[in-house]
Amino acid sequence: MLPEQRAYLHAWIDAVIAAGFRAGVYCSGIASMNGSGKSVITAEDIRTTQLKKLSYWISNDACPPPLDALS
C-alpha cells in the first residue's frame, strides 16, 4: 500500500477500536504487482504492518483455468 493508504487504514482502525468495536478488513490474498514491479499480497502487507488486533476476511479471487484448457 502507499504510505497515504496505510496511514488512512491505521487511523480508521484506531478510531474503530477507540469506539469500542473490533476492526476488520476485507482484502485480497492474491499476489499482484505494485507500481514498483514488486509482488505484494495485500493481506500480508496489512498483517506485517498492523500492530493491533484485526479481523481479516481474505478473498482469494483467482479464477481457475477454463475447462477446455484442461483437456
C-alpha atoms as a PDB file:
ATOM      1  CA  MET A   1       0.000   0.000   0.000  1.00  0.00           C
ATOM      2  CA  LEU A   2       1.000   3.572  -0.488  1.00  0.00           C
ATOM      3  CA  PRO A   3       2.029   5.410   2.703  1.00  0.00           C
ATOM      4  CA  GLU A   4      -1.142   7.514   2.473  1.00  0.00           C
ATOM      5  CA  GLN A   5      -3.309   4.391   2.236  1.00  0.00           C
ATOM      6  CA  ARG A   6      -1.521   2.765   5.160  1.00  0.00           C
ATOM      7  CA  ALA A   7      -1.930   5.928   7.290  1.00  0.00           C
ATOM      8  CA  TYR A   8      -5.657   6.062   6.475  1.00  0.00           C
ATOM      9  CA  LEU A   9      -6.119   2.378   7.331  1.00  0.00           C
ATOM     10  CA  HIS A  10      -4.274   2.685  10.635  1.00  0.00           C
ATOM     11  CA  ALA A  11      -6.222   5.843  11.589  1.00  0.00           C
ATOM     12  CA  TRP A  12      -9.501   4.086  10.737  1.00  0.00           C
ATOM     13  CA  ILE A  13      -8.544   1.024  12.808  1.00  0.00           C
ATOM     14  CA  ASP A  14      -7.606   3.265  15.759  1.00  0.00           C
ATOM     15  CA  ALA A  15     -10.975   5.080  15.524  1.00  0.00           C
ATOM     16  CA  VAL A  16     -12.959   1.825  15.367  1.00  0.00           C
ATOM     17  CA  ILE A  17     -11.109   0.394  18.376  1.00  0.00           C
ATOM     18  CA  ALA A  18     -11.458   3.674  20.308  1.00  0.00           C
ATOM     19  CA  ALA A  19     -15.235   3.499  19.734  1.00  0.00           C
ATOM     20  CA  GLY A  20     -15.268   0.104  21.453  1.00  0.00           C
ATOM     21  CA  PHE A  21     -15.560  -2.086  18.370  1.00  0.00           C
ATOM     22  CA  ARG A  22     -13.289  -4.655  16.779  1.00  0.00           C
ATOM     23  CA  ALA A  23     -11.833  -3.607  13.437  1.00  0.00           C
ATOM     24  CA  GLY A  24     -11.712  -5.835  10.398  1.00  0.00           C
ATOM     25  CA  VAL A  25     -10.681  -5.614   6.768  1.00  0.00           C
ATOM     26  CA  TYR A  26     -11.815  -7.359   3.603  1.00  0.00           C
ATOM     27  CA  CYS A  27      -8.819  -7.636   1.322  1.00  0.00           C
ATOM     28  CA  SER A  28      -7.118  -9.706  -1.325  1.00  0.00           C
ATOM     29  CA  GLY A  29      -4.973 -12.739  -0.616  1.00  0.00           C
ATOM     30  CA  ILE A  30      -3.753 -12.928  -4.216  1.00  0.00           C
ATOM     31  CA  ALA A  31      -0.283 -11.736  -5.197  1.00  0.00           C
ATOM     32  CA  SER A  32      -0.223  -8.767  -7.563  1.00  0.00           C
ATOM     33  CA  MET A  33       2.396  -6.391  -8.852  1.00  0.00           C
ATOM     34  CA  ASN A  34       2.702  -2.983  -7.231  1.00  0.00           C
ATOM     35  CA  GLY A  35       3.833   0.178  -9.019  1.00  0.00           C
ATOM     36  CA  SER A  36       7.494  -0.754  -8.469  1.00  0.00           C
ATOM     37  CA  GLY A  37       7.136  -4.141 -10.143  1.00  0.00           C
ATOM     38  CA  LYS A  38       7.308  -5.958  -6.782  1.00  0.00           C
ATOM     39  CA  SER A  39       4.885  -8.777  -6.000  1.00  0.00           C
ATOM     40  CA  VAL A  40       2.709  -7.979  -2.986  1.00  0.00           C
ATOM     41  CA  ILE A  41      -0.194  -9.673  -1.198  1.00  0.00           C
ATOM     42  CA  THR A  42      -2.453  -7.026   0.354  1.00  0.00           C
ATOM     43  CA  ALA A  43      -3.490  -9.202   3.318  1.00  0.00           C
ATOM     44  CA  GLU A  44       0.142  -9.985   4.131  1.00  0.00           C
ATOM     45  CA  ASP A  45       1.147  -6.342   3.711  1.00  0.00           C
ATOM     46  CA  ILE A  46      -1.514  -5.228   6.202  1.00  0.00           C
ATOM     47  CA  ARG A  47      -0.705  -8.035   8.634  1.00  0.00           C
ATOM     48  CA  THR A  48       3.010  -7.228   8.761  1.00  0.00           C
ATOM     49  CA  THR A  49       2.469  -3.507   9.403  1.00  0.00           C
ATOM     50  CA  GLN A  50      -0.552  -3.579  11.746  1.00  0.00           C
ATOM     51  CA  LEU A  51       0.276  -3.930  15.415  1.00  0.00           C
ATOM     52  CA  LYS A  52      -3.305  -4.020  16.691  1.00  0.00           C
ATOM     53  CA  LYS A  53      -5.742  -6.919  16.760  1.00  0.00           C
ATOM     54  CA  LEU A  54      -7.558  -7.035  13.446  1.00  0.00           C
ATOM     55  CA  SER A  55     -10.027  -9.437  11.872  1.00  0.00           C
ATOM     56  CA  TYR A  56      -9.429 -10.420   8.249  1.00  0.00           C
ATOM     57  CA  TRP A  57     -11.804 -11.502   5.516  1.00  0.00           C
ATOM     58  CA  ILE A  58      -9.462 -12.520   2.734  1.00  0.00           C
ATOM     59  CA  SER A  59     -10.613 -13.065  -0.801  1.00  0.00           C
ATOM     60  CA  ASN A  60      -8.635 -15.471  -2.961  1.00  0.00           C
ATOM     61  CA  ASP A  61     -10.380 -14.440  -6.132  1.00  0.00           C
ATOM     62  CA  ALA A  62      -8.123 -16.044  -8.727  1.00  0.00           C
ATOM     63  CA  CYS A  63     -10.061 -17.800 -11.445  1.00  0.00           C
ATOM     64  CA  PRO A  64      -9.203 -21.392 -12.341  1.00  0.00           C
ATOM     65  CA  PRO A  65      -8.267 -22.179 -15.939  1.00  0.00           C
ATOM     66  CA  PRO A  66     -11.224 -22.699 -18.291  1.00  0.00           C
ATOM     67  CA  LEU A  67     -12.379 -26.295 -18.572  1.00  0.00           C
ATOM     68  CA  ASP A  68     -11.389 -26.517 -22.260  1.00  0.00           C
ATOM     69  CA  ALA A  69      -7.812 -25.627 -21.292  1.00  0.00           C
ATOM     70  CA  LEU A  70      -7.626 -28.725 -19.105  1.00  0.00           C
ATOM     71  CA  SER A  71      -8.413 -31.225 -21.859  1.00  0.00           C
END
